[in-house]
Amino acid sequence: MLLPNSVQKLIKLWSKLPGIGEKSSRRMVFYVLRQDTAWIKDFASALTKLADEVHHCSECGNITDTDPCSLCRDTMRNRKKICVVETDEDCVAIEQAGIFNGLYHVLGGQLSPLDDKEIPQESLDRLRRRITELRVEELILATSPRIEGDLTAYAIQDTLKDLPVKISRLSYGLPVGGSIGFADRVTLHMALESRQEML
């Protein structure tokens, strides 16, 4: 059966989302088609606003619709500690767990030679500037407990070796090969509390 072009296009676009195959994508599109027009237009408007209004904070790199973001503007946060994460999703997971009251720095990538991925240089430059300007005392590396996370952590440590800042890394509680974004509050809390200084 030949589907309308708009339906085919949406199925193709949705199937690019993580964990969504063509069958799941098709089910989602047909679900949307069963909704009333107002809901579909509201859904489309939300996606358009996402593209138009959401961007990365110029200070920490997290997603925001204001600049700087609300976390960077919060004067009650401990500005002597920065938690470095790979993605904004990791930042949201730690923040929603309510276990950290410092600032964040979202790298926007990780070091993975096999995938030809590198940490964005502008993110590392911004991190150096923040450490110096804020006189940060501790940098907590919350990179994923996988080989890419290890490589990323050591690359950051090497890049910042000339700065007088203590560098620690999350440890106990996070499973090897796991993801910060999927860890529960208790696991994240234990990992943060049991962090170890990188030597």
C-alpha atoms as a PDB file:
ATOM      1  CA  MET A   1       0.000   0.000   0.000  1.00  0.00           C
ATOM      2  CA  LEU A   2       1.364   3.382  -0.996  1.00  0.00           C
ATOM      3  CA  LEU A   3       1.195   5.820   1.925  1.00  0.00           C
ATOM      4  CA  PRO A   4       0.879   9.602   1.486  1.00  0.00           C
ATOM      5  CA  ASN A   5       4.250  11.353   1.189  1.00  0.00           C
ATOM      6  CA  SER A   6       3.804  13.248   4.489  1.00  0.00           C
ATOM      7  CA  VAL A   7       3.124   9.963   6.329  1.00  0.00           C
ATOM      8  CA  GLN A   8       6.142   8.260   4.749  1.00  0.00           C
ATOM      9  CA  LYS A   9       8.371  11.198   5.601  1.00  0.00           C
ATOM     10  CA  LEU A  10       7.278  11.247   9.245  1.00  0.00           C
ATOM     11  CA  ILE A  11       7.789   7.471   9.554  1.00  0.00           C
ATOM     12  CA  LYS A  12      11.293   7.856   8.134  1.00  0.00           C
ATOM     13  CA  LEU A  13      12.121  10.762  10.468  1.00  0.00           C
ATOM     14  CA  TRP A  14      10.768   9.032  13.575  1.00  0.00           C
ATOM     15  CA  SER A  15      12.683   5.830  12.802  1.00  0.00           C
ATOM     16  CA  LYS A  16      15.917   7.815  13.244  1.00  0.00           C
ATOM     17  CA  LEU A  17      15.175   8.295  16.944  1.00  0.00           C
ATOM     18  CA  PRO A  18      17.154   6.044  19.327  1.00  0.00           C
ATOM     19  CA  GLY A  19      15.432   2.725  19.974  1.00  0.00           C
ATOM     20  CA  ILE A  20      12.727   3.349  17.370  1.00  0.00           C
ATOM     21  CA  GLY A  21      12.568   1.021  14.392  1.00  0.00           C
ATOM     22  CA  GLU A  22      10.375   1.327  11.318  1.00  0.00           C
ATOM     23  CA  LYS A  23       7.445  -0.617  12.841  1.00  0.00           C
ATOM     24  CA  SER A  24       7.450   1.454  16.039  1.00  0.00           C
ATOM     25  CA  SER A  25       7.729   4.604  13.968  1.00  0.00           C
ATOM     26  CA  ARG A  26       4.761   3.581  11.825  1.00  0.00           C
ATOM     27  CA  ARG A  27       2.665   2.841  14.968  1.00  0.00           C
ATOM     28  CA  MET A  28       3.504   6.284  16.362  1.00  0.00           C
ATOM     29  CA  VAL A  29       2.545   8.034  13.122  1.00  0.00           C
ATOM     30  CA  PHE A  30      -0.787   6.198  12.959  1.00  0.00           C
ATOM     31  CA  TYR A  31      -1.377   7.091  16.620  1.00  0.00           C
ATOM     32  CA  VAL A  32      -0.875  10.765  15.721  1.00  0.00           C
ATOM     33  CA  LEU A  33      -3.274  10.428  12.788  1.00  0.00           C
ATOM     34  CA  ARG A  34      -6.006   9.203  15.178  1.00  0.00           C
ATOM     35  CA  GLN A  35      -5.709  12.377  17.292  1.00  0.00           C
ATOM     36  CA  ASP A  36      -7.756  15.500  16.661  1.00  0.00           C
ATOM     37  CA  THR A  37      -6.300  18.296  14.557  1.00  0.00           C
ATOM     38  CA  ALA A  38      -5.777  20.618  17.541  1.00  0.00           C
ATOM     39  CA  TRP A  39      -3.567  18.028  19.289  1.00  0.00           C
ATOM     40  CA  ILE A  40      -1.503  17.448  16.131  1.00  0.00           C
ATOM     41  CA  LYS A  41      -0.992  21.194  15.646  1.00  0.00           C
ATOM     42  CA  ASP A  42      -0.038  21.600  19.322  1.00  0.00           C
ATOM     43  CA  PHE A  43       2.457  18.726  18.974  1.00  0.00           C
ATOM     44  CA  ALA A  44       3.954  20.264  15.815  1.00  0.00           C
ATOM     45  CA  SER A  45       4.134  23.672  17.516  1.00  0.00           C
ATOM     46  CA  ALA A  46       6.043  22.171  20.457  1.00  0.00           C
ATOM     47  CA  LEU A  47       8.600  20.681  18.043  1.00  0.00           C
ATOM     48  CA  THR A  48       8.969  24.011  16.239  1.00  0.00           C
ATOM     49  CA  LYS A  49       9.483  25.839  19.547  1.00  0.00           C
ATOM     50  CA  LEU A  50      12.089  23.241  20.481  1.00  0.00           C
ATOM     51  CA  ALA A  51      14.045  24.136  17.351  1.00  0.00           C
ATOM     52  CA  ASP A  52      13.489  27.896  17.682  1.00  0.00           C
ATOM     53  CA  GLU A  53      13.871  28.487  21.429  1.00  0.00           C
ATOM     54  CA  VAL A  54      16.149  25.823  22.923  1.00  0.00           C
ATOM     55  CA  HIS A  55      19.909  26.289  22.622  1.00  0.00           C
ATOM     56  CA  HIS A  56      23.054  25.619  24.659  1.00  0.00           C
ATOM     57  CA  CYS A  57      24.055  27.834  27.584  1.00  0.00           C
ATOM     58  CA  SER A  58      27.107  29.944  26.707  1.00  0.00           C
ATOM     59  CA  GLU A  59      28.618  29.170  30.117  1.00  0.00           C
ATOM     60  CA  CYS A  60      27.938  25.516  30.939  1.00  0.00           C
ATOM     61  CA  GLY A  61      26.722  24.094  27.623  1.00  0.00           C
ATOM     62  CA  ASN A  62      23.460  22.709  29.039  1.00  0.00           C
ATOM     63  CA  ILE A  63      20.181  23.105  27.124  1.00  0.00           C
ATOM     64  CA  THR A  64      18.248  26.245  27.963  1.00  0.00           C
ATOM     65  CA  ASP A  65      15.853  28.838  26.596  1.00  0.00           C
ATOM     66  CA  THR A  66      17.638  31.675  28.420  1.00  0.00           C
ATOM     67  CA  ASP A  67      21.309  32.625  28.475  1.00  0.00           C
ATOM     68  CA  PRO A  68      22.946  31.982  30.816  1.00  0.00           C
ATOM     69  CA  CYS A  69      20.788  29.102  32.007  1.00  0.00           C
ATOM     70  CA  SER A  70      18.935  29.065  35.338  1.00  0.00           C
ATOM     71  CA  LEU A  71      21.583  26.804  36.941  1.00  0.00           C
ATOM     72  CA  CYS A  72      24.433  29.175  36.043  1.00  0.00           C
ATOM     73  CA  ARG A  73      22.416  32.177  37.274  1.00  0.00           C
ATOM     74  CA  ASP A  74      21.499  30.532  40.601  1.00  0.00           C
ATOM     75  CA  THR A  75      23.517  32.408  43.255  1.00  0.00           C
ATOM     76  CA  MET A  76      22.765  29.716  45.865  1.00  0.00           C
ATOM     77  CA  ARG A  77      24.846  27.096  44.035  1.00  0.00           C
ATOM     78  CA  ASN A  78      28.379  26.207  45.143  1.00  0.00           C
ATOM     79  CA  ARG A  79      30.573  27.921  42.539  1.00  0.00           C
ATOM     80  CA  LYS A  80      33.731  26.198  43.790  1.00  0.00           C
ATOM     81  CA  LYS A  81      32.683  22.813  42.389  1.00  0.00           C
ATOM     82  CA  ILE A  82      31.916  21.910  38.793  1.00  0.00           C
ATOM     83  CA  CYS A  83      30.488  18.563  37.739  1.00  0.00           C
ATOM     84  CA  VAL A  84      31.590  17.710  34.195  1.00  0.00           C
ATOM     85  CA  VAL A  85      29.193  15.528  32.178  1.00  0.00           C
ATOM     86  CA  GLU A  86      29.253  14.296  28.592  1.00  0.00           C
ATOM     87  CA  THR A  87      25.678  15.199  27.616  1.00  0.00           C
ATOM     88  CA  ASP A  88      22.878  17.497  28.744  1.00  0.00           C
ATOM     89  CA  GLU A  89      20.841  14.361  29.483  1.00  0.00           C
ATOM     90  CA  ASP A  90      23.491  13.383  32.085  1.00  0.00           C
ATOM     91  CA  CYS A  91      23.228  16.865  33.592  1.00  0.00           C
ATOM     92  CA  VAL A  92      19.446  16.545  33.897  1.00  0.00           C
ATOM     93  CA  ALA A  93      19.766  13.087  35.532  1.00  0.00           C
ATOM     94  CA  ILE A  94      22.161  14.334  38.229  1.00  0.00           C
ATOM     95  CA  GLU A  95      20.209  17.547  38.815  1.00  0.00           C
ATOM     96  CA  GLN A  96      16.861  15.743  39.128  1.00  0.00           C
ATOM     97  CA  ALA A  97      18.420  13.343  41.631  1.00  0.00           C
ATOM     98  CA  GLY A  98      18.993  16.379  43.880  1.00  0.00           C
ATOM     99  CA  ILE A  99      22.452  15.221  44.995  1.00  0.00           C
ATOM    100  CA  PHE A 100      24.684  18.032  43.739  1.00  0.00           C
ATOM    101  CA  ASN A 101      24.549  21.769  44.409  1.00  0.00           C
ATOM    102  CA  GLY A 102      27.496  23.004  42.392  1.00  0.00           C
ATOM    103  CA  LEU A 103      27.756  24.101  38.785  1.00  0.00           C
ATOM    104  CA  TYR A 104      27.817  21.872  35.704  1.00  0.00           C
ATOM    105  CA  HIS A 105      29.817  21.733  32.526  1.00  0.00           C
ATOM    106  CA  VAL A 106      28.394  19.798  29.584  1.00  0.00           C
ATOM    107  CA  LEU A 107      31.177  18.630  27.258  1.00  0.00           C
ATOM    108  CA  GLY A 108      28.878  17.952  24.329  1.00  0.00           C
ATOM    109  CA  GLY A 109      30.831  14.862  23.360  1.00  0.00           C
ATOM    110  CA  GLN A 110      33.340  12.251  24.413  1.00  0.00           C
ATOM    111  CA  LEU A 111      36.691  10.910  23.293  1.00  0.00           C
ATOM    112  CA  SER A 112      36.198   7.780  21.218  1.00  0.00           C
ATOM    113  CA  PRO A 113      39.021   7.062  18.745  1.00  0.00           C
ATOM    114  CA  LEU A 114      37.215   4.059  17.250  1.00  0.00           C
ATOM    115  CA  ASP A 115      34.219   6.238  16.351  1.00  0.00           C
ATOM    116  CA  ASP A 116      36.459   9.167  15.351  1.00  0.00           C
ATOM    117  CA  LYS A 117      34.882  11.359  18.061  1.00  0.00           C
ATOM    118  CA  GLU A 118      36.667  14.037  20.063  1.00  0.00           C
ATOM    119  CA  ILE A 119      35.755  16.374  22.891  1.00  0.00           C
ATOM    120  CA  PRO A 120      34.863  19.734  21.292  1.00  0.00           C
ATOM    121  CA  GLN A 121      37.855  22.044  21.767  1.00  0.00           C
ATOM    122  CA  GLU A 122      35.639  25.066  22.444  1.00  0.00           C
ATOM    123  CA  SER A 123      34.070  23.164  25.357  1.00  0.00           C
ATOM    124  CA  LEU A 124      37.497  22.440  26.868  1.00  0.00           C
ATOM    125  CA  ASP A 125      38.533  26.077  26.391  1.00  0.00           C
ATOM    126  CA  ARG A 126      35.334  27.244  28.092  1.00  0.00           C
ATOM    127  CA  LEU A 127      35.948  24.818  30.976  1.00  0.00           C
ATOM    128  CA  ARG A 128      39.498  26.152  31.498  1.00  0.00           C
ATOM    129  CA  ARG A 129      38.166  29.716  31.517  1.00  0.00           C
ATOM    130  CA  ARG A 130      35.459  28.904  34.056  1.00  0.00           C
ATOM    131  CA  ILE A 131      37.900  27.118  36.378  1.00  0.00           C
ATOM    132  CA  THR A 132      40.210  30.136  36.317  1.00  0.00           C
ATOM    133  CA  GLU A 133      37.561  32.862  36.574  1.00  0.00           C
ATOM    134  CA  LEU A 134      35.530  31.158  39.314  1.00  0.00           C
ATOM    135  CA  ARG A 135      38.624  29.830  41.125  1.00  0.00           C
ATOM    136  CA  VAL A 136      37.088  26.367  41.136  1.00  0.00           C
ATOM    137  CA  GLU A 137      38.468  24.080  43.845  1.00  0.00           C
ATOM    138  CA  GLU A 138      37.135  20.730  42.626  1.00  0.00           C
ATOM    139  CA  LEU A 139      36.216  19.327  39.252  1.00  0.00           C
ATOM    140  CA  ILE A 140      34.032  16.209  39.438  1.00  0.00           C
ATOM    141  CA  LEU A 141      34.203  14.133  36.271  1.00  0.00           C
ATOM    142  CA  ALA A 142      30.878  12.349  35.794  1.00  0.00           C
ATOM    143  CA  THR A 143      31.809  10.561  32.595  1.00  0.00           C
ATOM    144  CA  SER A 144      30.221   7.245  31.669  1.00  0.00           C
ATOM    145  CA  PRO A 145      31.723   4.071  33.216  1.00  0.00           C
ATOM    146  CA  ARG A 146      32.834   2.756  29.819  1.00  0.00           C
ATOM    147  CA  ILE A 147      36.145   2.876  27.976  1.00  0.00           C
ATOM    148  CA  GLU A 148      35.036   6.082  26.202  1.00  0.00           C
ATOM    149  CA  GLY A 149      34.267   7.646  29.577  1.00  0.00           C
ATOM    150  CA  ASP A 150      37.697   6.638  30.876  1.00  0.00           C
ATOM    151  CA  LEU A 151      39.425   8.091  27.824  1.00  0.00           C
ATOM    152  CA  THR A 152      37.390  11.290  28.144  1.00  0.00           C
ATOM    153  CA  ALA A 153      38.230  11.643  31.861  1.00  0.00           C
ATOM    154  CA  TYR A 154      41.958  11.168  31.287  1.00  0.00           C
ATOM    155  CA  ALA A 155      41.947  13.581  28.345  1.00  0.00           C
ATOM    156  CA  ILE A 156      40.320  16.262  30.527  1.00  0.00           C
ATOM    157  CA  GLN A 157      42.773  15.581  33.336  1.00  0.00           C
ATOM    158  CA  ASP A 158      45.690  15.918  30.912  1.00  0.00           C
ATOM    159  CA  THR A 159      44.293  19.135  29.408  1.00  0.00           C
ATOM    160  CA  LEU A 160      43.901  20.742  32.847  1.00  0.00           C
ATOM    161  CA  LYS A 161      47.099  19.431  34.499  1.00  0.00           C
ATOM    162  CA  ASP A 162      48.575  22.941  34.758  1.00  0.00           C
ATOM    163  CA  LEU A 163      45.599  24.324  36.709  1.00  0.00           C
ATOM    164  CA  PRO A 164      45.468  24.201  40.535  1.00  0.00           C
ATOM    165  CA  VAL A 165      42.197  22.277  40.776  1.00  0.00           C
ATOM    166  CA  LYS A 166      41.409  18.959  42.457  1.00  0.00           C
ATOM    167  CA  ILE A 167      40.007  16.489  39.913  1.00  0.00           C
ATOM    168  CA  SER A 168      37.844  13.599  41.100  1.00  0.00           C
ATOM    169  CA  ARG A 169      35.689  11.069  39.317  1.00  0.00           C
ATOM    170  CA  LEU A 170      32.454   9.273  40.158  1.00  0.00           C
ATOM    171  CA  SER A 171      33.083   5.752  41.316  1.00  0.00           C
ATOM    172  CA  TYR A 172      31.086   3.314  43.469  1.00  0.00           C
ATOM    173  CA  GLY A 173      27.618   2.423  42.314  1.00  0.00           C
ATOM    174  CA  LEU A 174      27.784   2.961  38.571  1.00  0.00           C
ATOM    175  CA  PRO A 175      27.895  -0.276  36.568  1.00  0.00           C
ATOM    176  CA  VAL A 176      30.638  -0.642  33.983  1.00  0.00           C
ATOM    177  CA  GLY A 177      29.155  -0.100  30.543  1.00  0.00           C
ATOM    178  CA  GLY A 178      26.179   1.751  32.023  1.00  0.00           C
ATOM    179  CA  SER A 179      24.962   5.275  31.423  1.00  0.00           C
ATOM    180  CA  ILE A 180      24.662   8.228  33.815  1.00  0.00           C
ATOM    181  CA  GLY A 181      21.353   9.168  32.196  1.00  0.00           C
ATOM    182  CA  PHE A 182      19.720   5.874  33.227  1.00  0.00           C
ATOM    183  CA  ALA A 183      21.083   5.639  36.774  1.00  0.00           C
ATOM    184  CA  ASP A 184      18.653   6.047  39.685  1.00  0.00           C
ATOM    185  CA  ARG A 185      18.966   8.674  42.427  1.00  0.00           C
ATOM    186  CA  VAL A 186      20.514   6.367  45.049  1.00  0.00           C
ATOM    187  CA  THR A 187      23.128   5.037  42.615  1.00  0.00           C
ATOM    188  CA  LEU A 188      24.065   8.556  41.511  1.00  0.00           C
ATOM    189  CA  HIS A 189      24.240   9.737  45.138  1.00  0.00           C
ATOM    190  CA  MET A 190      26.582   6.881  46.109  1.00  0.00           C
ATOM    191  CA  ALA A 191      28.736   7.474  43.034  1.00  0.00           C
ATOM    192  CA  LEU A 192      29.020  11.188  43.825  1.00  0.00           C
ATOM    193  CA  GLU A 193      29.758  10.672  47.514  1.00  0.00           C
ATOM    194  CA  SER A 194      32.379   7.981  46.798  1.00  0.00           C
ATOM    195  CA  ARG A 195      34.173   9.918  44.075  1.00  0.00           C
ATOM    196  CA  GLN A 196      37.933   9.525  44.004  1.00  0.00           C
ATOM    197  CA  GLU A 197      40.591  12.077  43.241  1.00  0.00           C
ATOM    198  CA  MET A 198      42.347  11.437  39.955  1.00  0.00           C
ATOM    199  CA  LEU A 199      46.090  11.200  40.401  1.00  0.00           C
END
